[in-house]
PDB file of N, CA and C in Angstrom:
ATOM      1  N   MET A   1     -44.577 218.603 -20.565  1.00  0.00           N
ATOM      2  CA  MET A   1     -45.734 218.893 -21.391  1.00  0.00           C
ATOM      3  C   MET A   1     -45.540 218.253 -22.774  1.00  0.00           C
ATOM      4  N   VAL A   2     -46.593 217.746 -23.301  1.00  0.00           N
ATOM      5  CA  VAL A   2     -46.566 217.050 -24.579  1.00  0.00           C
ATOM      6  C   VAL A   2     -46.574 218.065 -25.724  1.00  0.00           C
ATOM      7  N   ASP A   3     -45.687 217.862 -26.682  1.00  0.00           N
ATOM      8  CA  ASP A   3     -45.639 218.719 -27.858  1.00  0.00           C
ATOM      9  C   ASP A   3     -46.874 218.465 -28.720  1.00  0.00           C
ATOM     10  N   ARG A   4     -47.585 219.519 -29.064  1.00  0.00           N
ATOM     11  CA  ARG A   4     -48.842 219.391 -29.803  1.00  0.00           C
ATOM     12  C   ARG A   4     -48.654 218.698 -31.146  1.00  0.00           C
ATOM     13  N   LYS A   5     -47.696 219.142 -31.918  1.00  0.00           N
ATOM     14  CA  LYS A   5     -47.504 218.577 -33.257  1.00  0.00           C
ATOM     15  C   LYS A   5     -47.175 217.086 -33.181  1.00  0.00           C
ATOM     16  N   THR A   6     -46.283 216.722 -32.278  1.00  0.00           N
ATOM     17  CA  THR A   6     -45.909 215.316 -32.110  1.00  0.00           C
ATOM     18  C   THR A   6     -47.113 214.488 -31.687  1.00  0.00           C
ATOM     19  N   TYR A   7     -47.871 215.008 -30.746  1.00  0.00           N
ATOM     20  CA  TYR A   7     -49.048 214.298 -30.252  1.00  0.00           C
ATOM     21  C   TYR A   7     -50.065 214.081 -31.370  1.00  0.00           C
ATOM     22  N   ILE A   8     -50.336 215.112 -32.138  1.00  0.00           N
ATOM     23  CA  ILE A   8     -51.317 215.015 -33.223  1.00  0.00           C
ATOM     24  C   ILE A   8     -50.847 214.016 -34.278  1.00  0.00           C
ATOM     25  N   GLU A   9     -49.572 214.040 -34.620  1.00  0.00           N
ATOM     26  CA  GLU A   9     -49.041 213.069 -35.585  1.00  0.00           C
ATOM     27  C   GLU A   9     -49.171 211.642 -35.054  1.00  0.00           C
ATOM     28  N   LYS A  10     -48.898 211.463 -33.769  1.00  0.00           N
ATOM     29  CA  LYS A  10     -49.031 210.146 -33.145  1.00  0.00           C
ATOM     30  C   LYS A  10     -50.484 209.667 -33.218  1.00  0.00           C
ATOM     31  N   MET A  11     -51.424 210.546 -32.935  1.00  0.00           N
ATOM     32  CA  MET A  11     -52.838 210.172 -32.970  1.00  0.00           C
ATOM     33  C   MET A  11     -53.290 209.882 -34.402  1.00  0.00           C
ATOM     34  N   LYS A  12     -52.794 210.633 -35.363  1.00  0.00           N
ATOM     35  CA  LYS A  12     -53.129 210.357 -36.766  1.00  0.00           C
ATOM     36  C   LYS A  12     -52.627 208.974 -37.172  1.00  0.00           C
ATOM     37  N   ALA A  13     -51.434 208.614 -36.730  1.00  0.00           N
ATOM     38  CA  ALA A  13     -50.888 207.288 -37.040  1.00  0.00           C
ATOM     39  C   ALA A  13     -51.744 206.193 -36.408  1.00  0.00           C
ATOM     40  N   LYS A  14     -52.200 206.423 -35.191  1.00  0.00           N
ATOM     41  CA  LYS A  14     -53.061 205.439 -34.535  1.00  0.00           C
ATOM     42  C   LYS A  14     -54.391 205.310 -35.271  1.00  0.00           C
ATOM     43  N   MET A  15     -54.907 206.409 -35.767  1.00  0.00           N
ATOM     44  CA  MET A  15     -56.163 206.353 -36.521  1.00  0.00           C
ATOM     45  C   MET A  15     -55.979 205.595 -37.833  1.00  0.00           C
ATOM     46  N   ASP A  16     -54.807 205.725 -38.432  1.00  0.00           N
ATOM     47  CA  ASP A  16     -54.513 204.926 -39.630  1.00  0.00           C
ATOM     48  C   ASP A  16     -54.512 203.438 -39.288  1.00  0.00           C
ATOM     49  N   GLU A  17     -53.985 203.101 -38.106  1.00  0.00           N
ATOM     50  CA  GLU A  17     -54.024 201.706 -37.654  1.00  0.00           C
ATOM     51  C   GLU A  17     -55.473 201.247 -37.476  1.00  0.00           C
ATOM     52  N   TRP A  18     -56.307 202.120 -36.930  1.00  0.00           N
ATOM     53  CA  TRP A  18     -57.732 201.794 -36.776  1.00  0.00           C
ATOM     54  C   TRP A  18     -58.352 201.494 -38.131  1.00  0.00           C
ATOM     55  N   ASP A  19     -58.006 202.295 -39.128  1.00  0.00           N
ATOM     56  CA  ASP A  19     -58.554 202.055 -40.469  1.00  0.00           C
ATOM     57  C   ASP A  19     -58.183 200.658 -40.960  1.00  0.00           C
ATOM     58  N   ALA A  20     -56.934 200.275 -40.744  1.00  0.00           N
ATOM     59  CA  ALA A  20     -56.491 198.939 -41.156  1.00  0.00           C
ATOM     60  C   ALA A  20     -57.229 197.862 -40.367  1.00  0.00           C
ATOM     61  N   ASP A  21     -57.426 198.101 -39.075  1.00  0.00           N
ATOM     62  CA  ASP A  21     -58.169 197.145 -38.253  1.00  0.00           C
ATOM     63  C   ASP A  21     -59.615 197.025 -38.713  1.00  0.00           C
ATOM     64  N   MET A  22     -60.213 198.143 -39.078  1.00  0.00           N
ATOM     65  CA  MET A  22     -61.597 198.113 -39.565  1.00  0.00           C
ATOM     66  C   MET A  22     -61.682 197.320 -40.870  1.00  0.00           C
ATOM     67  N   ASP A  23     -60.681 197.443 -41.715  1.00  0.00           N
ATOM     68  CA  ASP A  23     -60.655 196.657 -42.956  1.00  0.00           C
ATOM     69  C   ASP A  23     -60.601 195.163 -42.650  1.00  0.00           C
ATOM     70  N   LYS A  24     -59.815 194.791 -41.640  1.00  0.00           N
ATOM     71  CA  LYS A  24     -59.737 193.382 -41.246  1.00  0.00           C
ATOM     72  C   LYS A  24     -61.081 192.890 -40.719  1.00  0.00           C
ATOM     73  N   LEU A  25     -61.726 193.714 -39.894  1.00  0.00           N
ATOM     74  CA  LEU A  25     -63.037 193.329 -39.364  1.00  0.00           C
ATOM     75  C   LEU A  25     -64.061 193.214 -40.485  1.00  0.00           C
ATOM     76  N   GLN A  26     -63.983 194.121 -41.436  1.00  0.00           N
ATOM     77  CA  GLN A  26     -64.903 194.079 -42.575  1.00  0.00           C
ATOM     78  C   GLN A  26     -64.725 192.776 -43.348  1.00  0.00           C
ATOM     79  N   ALA A  27     -63.491 192.378 -43.561  1.00  0.00           N
ATOM     80  CA  ALA A  27     -63.223 191.131 -44.278  1.00  0.00           C
ATOM     81  C   ALA A  27     -63.779 189.934 -43.512  1.00  0.00           C
ATOM     82  N   LYS A  28     -63.632 189.939 -42.191  1.00  0.00           N
ATOM     83  CA  LYS A  28     -64.182 188.848 -41.390  1.00  0.00           C
ATOM     84  C   LYS A  28     -65.699 188.827 -41.469  1.00  0.00           C
ATOM     85  N   SER A  29     -66.307 189.992 -41.466  1.00  0.00           N
ATOM     86  CA  SER A  29     -67.771 190.036 -41.506  1.00  0.00           C
ATOM     87  C   SER A  29     -68.300 189.537 -42.848  1.00  0.00           C
ATOM     88  N   GLU A  30     -67.538 189.750 -43.908  1.00  0.00           N
ATOM     89  CA  GLU A  30     -67.961 189.299 -45.235  1.00  0.00           C
ATOM     90  C   GLU A  30     -68.068 187.779 -45.310  1.00  0.00           C
ATOM     91  N   SER A  31     -67.200 187.098 -44.576  1.00  0.00           N
ATOM     92  CA  SER A  31     -67.195 185.636 -44.639  1.00  0.00           C
ATOM     93  C   SER A  31     -68.018 184.983 -43.523  1.00  0.00           C
ATOM     94  N   ALA A  32     -68.671 185.780 -42.704  1.00  0.00           N
ATOM     95  CA  ALA A  32     -69.445 185.244 -41.582  1.00  0.00           C
ATOM     96  C   ALA A  32     -70.808 184.735 -42.038  1.00  0.00           C
ATOM     97  N   GLN A  33     -71.368 183.881 -41.213  1.00  0.00           N
ATOM     98  CA  GLN A  33     -72.727 183.415 -41.473  1.00  0.00           C
ATOM     99  C   GLN A  33     -73.682 184.581 -41.259  1.00  0.00           C
ATOM    100  N   ALA A  34     -74.888 184.455 -41.797  1.00  0.00           N
ATOM    101  CA  ALA A  34     -75.847 185.562 -41.812  1.00  0.00           C
ATOM    102  C   ALA A  34     -76.113 186.139 -40.428  1.00  0.00           C
ATOM    103  N   ASP A  35     -76.340 185.297 -39.421  1.00  0.00           N
ATOM    104  CA  ASP A  35     -76.651 185.817 -38.091  1.00  0.00           C
ATOM    105  C   ASP A  35     -75.464 186.552 -37.479  1.00  0.00           C
ATOM    106  N   MET A  36     -74.272 186.040 -37.680  1.00  0.00           N
ATOM    107  CA  MET A  36     -73.080 186.700 -37.161  1.00  0.00           C
ATOM    108  C   MET A  36     -72.731 187.939 -37.979  1.00  0.00           C
ATOM    109  N   LYS A  37     -73.039 187.903 -39.252  1.00  0.00           N
ATOM    110  CA  LYS A  37     -72.727 189.034 -40.125  1.00  0.00           C
ATOM    111  C   LYS A  37     -73.429 190.297 -39.639  1.00  0.00           C
ATOM    112  N   GLN A  38     -74.680 190.172 -39.244  1.00  0.00           N
ATOM    113  CA  GLN A  38     -75.414 191.339 -38.754  1.00  0.00           C
ATOM    114  C   GLN A  38     -74.788 191.864 -37.467  1.00  0.00           C
ATOM    115  N   GLN A  39     -74.384 190.976 -36.573  1.00  0.00           N
ATOM    116  CA  GLN A  39     -73.731 191.407 -35.335  1.00  0.00           C
ATOM    117  C   GLN A  39     -72.426 192.132 -35.640  1.00  0.00           C
ATOM    118  N   TYR A  40     -71.647 191.584 -36.563  1.00  0.00           N
ATOM    119  CA  TYR A  40     -70.405 192.238 -36.965  1.00  0.00           C
ATOM    120  C   TYR A  40     -70.680 193.643 -37.498  1.00  0.00           C
ATOM    121  N   GLN A  41     -71.664 193.746 -38.365  1.00  0.00           N
ATOM    122  CA  GLN A  41     -71.960 195.034 -38.987  1.00  0.00           C
ATOM    123  C   GLN A  41     -72.437 196.059 -37.962  1.00  0.00           C
ATOM    124  N   GLU A  42     -73.231 195.622 -36.995  1.00  0.00           N
ATOM    125  CA  GLU A  42     -73.685 196.537 -35.948  1.00  0.00           C
ATOM    126  C   GLU A  42     -72.510 197.016 -35.102  1.00  0.00           C
ATOM    127  N   GLN A  43     -71.642 196.092 -34.732  1.00  0.00           N
ATOM    128  CA  GLN A  43     -70.468 196.453 -33.941  1.00  0.00           C
ATOM    129  C   GLN A  43     -69.560 197.388 -34.732  1.00  0.00           C
ATOM    130  N   MET A  44     -69.373 197.108 -36.004  1.00  0.00           N
ATOM    131  CA  MET A  44     -68.529 197.964 -36.834  1.00  0.00           C
ATOM    132  C   MET A  44     -69.122 199.358 -36.982  1.00  0.00           C
ATOM    133  N   ALA A  45     -70.434 199.457 -37.059  1.00  0.00           N
ATOM    134  CA  ALA A  45     -71.072 200.771 -37.150  1.00  0.00           C
ATOM    135  C   ALA A  45     -70.785 201.583 -35.887  1.00  0.00           C
ATOM    136  N   ARG A  46     -70.854 200.937 -34.724  1.00  0.00           N
ATOM    137  CA  ARG A  46     -70.544 201.639 -33.471  1.00  0.00           C
ATOM    138  C   ARG A  46     -69.075 202.059 -33.441  1.00  0.00           C
ATOM    139  N   LEU A  47     -68.206 201.182 -33.899  1.00  0.00           N
ATOM    140  CA  LEU A  47     -66.782 201.521 -33.934  1.00  0.00           C
ATOM    141  C   LEU A  47     -66.518 202.697 -34.869  1.00  0.00           C
ATOM    142  N   ARG A  48     -67.180 202.705 -36.004  1.00  0.00           N
ATOM    143  CA  ARG A  48     -66.992 203.817 -36.953  1.00  0.00           C
ATOM    144  C   ARG A  48     -67.465 205.142 -36.353  1.00  0.00           C
ATOM    145  N   GLU A  49     -68.568 205.107 -35.595  1.00  0.00           N
ATOM    146  CA  GLU A  49     -69.047 206.324 -34.933  1.00  0.00           C
ATOM    147  C   GLU A  49     -68.004 206.835 -33.948  1.00  0.00           C
ATOM    148  N   GLN A  50     -67.462 205.929 -33.137  1.00  0.00           N
ATOM    149  CA  GLN A  50     -66.441 206.330 -32.176  1.00  0.00           C
ATOM    150  C   GLN A  50     -65.198 206.845 -32.889  1.00  0.00           C
ATOM    151  N   GLN A  51     -64.848 206.208 -33.969  1.00  0.00           N
ATOM    152  CA  GLN A  51     -63.683 206.624 -34.737  1.00  0.00           C
ATOM    153  C   GLN A  51     -63.900 208.032 -35.301  1.00  0.00           C
ATOM    154  N   GLU A  52     -65.077 208.295 -35.804  1.00  0.00           N
ATOM    155  CA  GLU A  52     -65.372 209.616 -36.364  1.00  0.00           C
ATOM    156  C   GLU A  52     -65.345 210.688 -35.274  1.00  0.00           C
ATOM    157  N   GLU A  53     -65.869 210.365 -34.096  1.00  0.00           N
ATOM    158  CA  GLU A  53     -65.816 211.314 -32.983  1.00  0.00           C
ATOM    159  C   GLU A  53     -64.370 211.637 -32.618  1.00  0.00           C
ATOM    160  N   ALA A  54     -63.518 210.628 -32.611  1.00  0.00           N
ATOM    161  CA  ALA A  54     -62.103 210.849 -32.302  1.00  0.00           C
ATOM    162  C   ALA A  54     -61.446 211.716 -33.374  1.00  0.00           C
ATOM    163  N   ARG A  55     -61.802 211.480 -34.633  1.00  0.00           N
ATOM    164  CA  ARG A  55     -61.249 212.307 -35.716  1.00  0.00           C
ATOM    165  C   ARG A  55     -61.670 213.774 -35.563  1.00  0.00           C
ATOM    166  N   GLU A  56     -62.918 213.994 -35.185  1.00  0.00           N
ATOM    167  CA  GLU A  56     -63.397 215.361 -34.979  1.00  0.00           C
ATOM    168  C   GLU A  56     -62.658 216.026 -33.822  1.00  0.00           C
ATOM    169  N   MET A  57     -62.458 215.270 -32.742  1.00  0.00           N
ATOM    170  CA  MET A  57     -61.715 215.821 -31.607  1.00  0.00           C
ATOM    171  C   MET A  57     -60.304 216.194 -32.022  1.00  0.00           C
ATOM    172  N   LEU A  58     -59.682 215.340 -32.808  1.00  0.00           N
ATOM    173  CA  LEU A  58     -58.320 215.609 -33.259  1.00  0.00           C
ATOM    174  C   LEU A  58     -58.279 216.858 -34.138  1.00  0.00           C
ATOM    175  N   ALA A  59     -59.256 217.016 -35.007  1.00  0.00           N
ATOM    176  CA  ALA A  59     -59.316 218.214 -35.852  1.00  0.00           C
ATOM    177  C   ALA A  59     -59.474 219.466 -34.991  1.00  0.00           C
ATOM    178  N   ASN A  60     -60.306 219.378 -33.969  1.00  0.00           N
ATOM    179  CA  ASN A  60     -60.485 220.517 -33.068  1.00  0.00           C
ATOM    180  C   ASN A  60     -59.206 220.819 -32.299  1.00  0.00           C
ATOM    181  N   MET A  61     -58.480 219.782 -31.934  1.00  0.00           N
ATOM    182  CA  MET A  61     -57.225 219.979 -31.206  1.00  0.00           C
ATOM    183  C   MET A  61     -56.204 220.710 -32.064  1.00  0.00           C
ATOM    184  N   THR A  62     -56.205 220.411 -33.333  1.00  0.00           N
ATOM    185  CA  THR A  62     -55.254 221.041 -34.248  1.00  0.00           C
ATOM    186  C   THR A  62     -55.421 222.555 -34.255  1.00  0.00           C
ATOM    187  N   ASN A  63     -56.665 222.999 -34.122  1.00  0.00           N
ATOM    188  CA  ASN A  63     -56.960 224.430 -34.196  1.00  0.00           C
ATOM    189  C   ASN A  63     -57.153 225.085 -32.835  1.00  0.00           C
ATOM    190  N   ALA A  64     -56.966 224.350 -31.755  1.00  0.00           N
ATOM    191  CA  ALA A  64     -57.230 224.872 -30.411  1.00  0.00           C
ATOM    192  C   ALA A  64     -56.160 225.866 -29.974  1.00  0.00           C
ATOM    193  N   SER A  65     -56.569 226.759 -29.111  1.00  0.00           N
ATOM    194  CA  SER A  65     -55.616 227.696 -28.522  1.00  0.00           C
ATOM    195  C   SER A  65     -54.731 226.943 -27.534  1.00  0.00           C
ATOM    196  N   GLU A  66     -53.627 227.549 -27.171  1.00  0.00           N
ATOM    197  CA  GLU A  66     -52.733 226.920 -26.193  1.00  0.00           C
ATOM    198  C   GLU A  66     -53.452 226.699 -24.869  1.00  0.00           C
ATOM    199  N   ALA A  67     -54.319 227.621 -24.499  1.00  0.00           N
ATOM    200  CA  ALA A  67     -55.041 227.501 -23.233  1.00  0.00           C
ATOM    201  C   ALA A  67     -55.964 226.284 -23.231  1.00  0.00           C
ATOM    202  N   ALA A  68     -56.567 225.983 -24.359  1.00  0.00           N
ATOM    203  CA  ALA A  68     -57.508 224.865 -24.445  1.00  0.00           C
ATOM    204  C   ALA A  68     -56.815 223.545 -24.760  1.00  0.00           C
ATOM    205  N   TRP A  69     -55.611 223.605 -25.260  1.00  0.00           N
ATOM    206  CA  TRP A  69     -54.905 222.418 -25.738  1.00  0.00           C
ATOM    207  C   TRP A  69     -54.818 221.301 -24.693  1.00  0.00           C
ATOM    208  N   GLU A  70     -54.370 221.616 -23.489  1.00  0.00           N
ATOM    209  CA  GLU A  70     -54.159 220.575 -22.480  1.00  0.00           C
ATOM    210  C   GLU A  70     -55.471 219.901 -22.085  1.00  0.00           C
ATOM    211  N   ASP A  71     -56.533 220.677 -21.927  1.00  0.00           N
ATOM    212  CA  ASP A  71     -57.835 220.082 -21.602  1.00  0.00           C
ATOM    213  C   ASP A  71     -58.319 219.194 -22.739  1.00  0.00           C
ATOM    214  N   MET A  72     -58.125 219.641 -23.959  1.00  0.00           N
ATOM    215  CA  MET A  72     -58.554 218.847 -25.109  1.00  0.00           C
ATOM    216  C   MET A  72     -57.735 217.564 -25.218  1.00  0.00           C
ATOM    217  N   ARG A  73     -56.459 217.643 -24.899  1.00  0.00           N
ATOM    218  CA  ARG A  73     -55.610 216.455 -24.942  1.00  0.00           C
ATOM    219  C   ARG A  73     -56.105 215.418 -23.938  1.00  0.00           C
ATOM    220  N   LYS A  74     -56.463 215.871 -22.756  1.00  0.00           N
ATOM    221  CA  LYS A  74     -56.981 214.952 -21.740  1.00  0.00           C
ATOM    222  C   LYS A  74     -58.290 214.319 -22.203  1.00  0.00           C
ATOM    223  N   GLY A  75     -59.149 215.106 -22.820  1.00  0.00           N
ATOM    224  CA  GLY A  75     -60.399 214.574 -23.361  1.00  0.00           C
ATOM    225  C   GLY A  75     -60.144 213.562 -24.462  1.00  0.00           C
ATOM    226  N   MET A  76     -59.158 213.839 -25.294  1.00  0.00           N
ATOM    227  CA  MET A  76     -58.808 212.922 -26.376  1.00  0.00           C
ATOM    228  C   MET A  76     -58.274 211.615 -25.810  1.00  0.00           C
ATOM    229  N   GLU A  77     -57.460 211.699 -24.772  1.00  0.00           N
ATOM    230  CA  GLU A  77     -56.927 210.486 -24.143  1.00  0.00           C
ATOM    231  C   GLU A  77     -58.066 209.615 -23.616  1.00  0.00           C
ATOM    232  N   SER A  78     -59.036 210.237 -22.994  1.00  0.00           N
ATOM    233  CA  SER A  78     -60.180 209.496 -22.460  1.00  0.00           C
ATOM    234  C   SER A  78     -60.977 208.839 -23.585  1.00  0.00           C
ATOM    235  N   ALA A  79     -61.241 209.587 -24.633  1.00  0.00           N
ATOM    236  CA  ALA A  79     -61.978 209.047 -25.784  1.00  0.00           C
ATOM    237  C   ALA A  79     -61.169 207.944 -26.454  1.00  0.00           C
ATOM    238  N   TRP A  80     -59.865 208.142 -26.544  1.00  0.00           N
ATOM    239  CA  TRP A  80     -59.003 207.139 -27.167  1.00  0.00           C
ATOM    240  C   TRP A  80     -59.051 205.834 -26.388  1.00  0.00           C
ATOM    241  N   ASP A  81     -58.980 205.923 -25.070  1.00  0.00           N
ATOM    242  CA  ASP A  81     -59.025 204.715 -24.239  1.00  0.00           C
ATOM    243  C   ASP A  81     -60.330 203.956 -24.453  1.00  0.00           C
ATOM    244  N   ALA A  82     -61.443 204.668 -24.494  1.00  0.00           N
ATOM    245  CA  ALA A  82     -62.747 204.024 -24.685  1.00  0.00           C
ATOM    246  C   ALA A  82     -62.834 203.364 -26.058  1.00  0.00           C
ATOM    247  N   THR A  83     -62.368 204.046 -27.075  1.00  0.00           N
ATOM    248  CA  THR A  83     -62.439 203.498 -28.424  1.00  0.00           C
ATOM    249  C   THR A  83     -61.480 202.327 -28.594  1.00  0.00           C
ATOM    250  N   SER A  84     -60.305 202.419 -28.016  1.00  0.00           N
ATOM    251  CA  SER A  84     -59.353 201.306 -28.081  1.00  0.00           C
ATOM    252  C   SER A  84     -59.932 200.067 -27.417  1.00  0.00           C
ATOM    253  N   LYS A  85     -60.592 200.257 -26.291  1.00  0.00           N
ATOM    254  CA  LYS A  85     -61.225 199.131 -25.602  1.00  0.00           C
ATOM    255  C   LYS A  85     -62.312 198.528 -26.483  1.00  0.00           C
ATOM    256  N   ALA A  86     -63.094 199.363 -27.137  1.00  0.00           N
ATOM    257  CA  ALA A  86     -64.150 198.868 -28.024  1.00  0.00           C
ATOM    258  C   ALA A  86     -63.557 198.064 -29.181  1.00  0.00           C
ATOM    259  N   PHE A  87     -62.442 198.527 -29.738  1.00  0.00           N
ATOM    260  CA  PHE A  87     -61.777 197.786 -30.809  1.00  0.00           C
ATOM    261  C   PHE A  87     -61.293 196.429 -30.309  1.00  0.00           C
ATOM    262  N   MET A  88     -60.674 196.413 -29.147  1.00  0.00           N
ATOM    263  CA  MET A  88     -60.167 195.147 -28.615  1.00  0.00           C
ATOM    264  C   MET A  88     -61.313 194.185 -28.320  1.00  0.00           C
ATOM    265  N   ASP A  89     -62.407 194.703 -27.780  1.00  0.00           N
ATOM    266  CA  ASP A  89     -63.580 193.864 -27.524  1.00  0.00           C
ATOM    267  C   ASP A  89     -64.127 193.289 -28.827  1.00  0.00           C
ATOM    268  N   ALA A  90     -64.193 194.118 -29.849  1.00  0.00           N
ATOM    269  CA  ALA A  90     -64.710 193.665 -31.144  1.00  0.00           C
ATOM    270  C   ALA A  90     -63.820 192.578 -31.727  1.00  0.00           C
ATOM    271  N   PHE A  91     -62.513 192.780 -31.680  1.00  0.00           N
ATOM    272  CA  PHE A  91     -61.604 191.772 -32.215  1.00  0.00           C
ATOM    273  C   PHE A  91     -61.729 190.455 -31.467  1.00  0.00           C
ATOM    274  N   SER A  92     -61.887 190.524 -30.155  1.00  0.00           N
ATOM    275  CA  SER A  92     -61.993 189.276 -29.393  1.00  0.00           C
ATOM    276  C   SER A  92     -63.283 188.534 -29.735  1.00  0.00           C
ATOM    277  N   ARG A  93     -64.341 189.247 -30.042  1.00  0.00           N
ATOM    278  CA  ARG A  93     -65.603 188.608 -30.416  1.00  0.00           C
ATOM    279  C   ARG A  93     -65.577 188.082 -31.842  1.00  0.00           C
ATOM    280  N   PHE A  94     -64.804 188.702 -32.700  1.00  0.00           N
ATOM    281  CA  PHE A  94     -64.800 188.328 -34.109  1.00  0.00           C
ATOM    282  C   PHE A  94     -63.822 187.202 -34.419  1.00  0.00           C
ATOM    283  N   LYS A  95     -63.068 186.759 -33.453  1.00  0.00           N
ATOM    284  CA  LYS A  95     -62.083 185.694 -33.705  1.00  0.00           C
ATOM    285  C   LYS A  95     -62.744 184.361 -33.854  1.00  0.00           C
TER     286      LYS A  95
END
């Protein structure tokens, strides 16, 4: 079984990495041509929404009962996978 505190710290560190990645994407969008800039901004808005949802899930996990913890962890893993894929897709398009 995964230790809750360790897991939450690991997820917080990953979210910090997301913040750094979003800063990189923002910098790329600033130097893009007008038509690409709008696409970048739309994609970044979707990424920020997913990121915020993950942050909310993590906050809920912090306060969850032991009974709910494992189910919430599984939900977080699923959300994390989807958001990570979205980040990788965005980076591949922005290169």
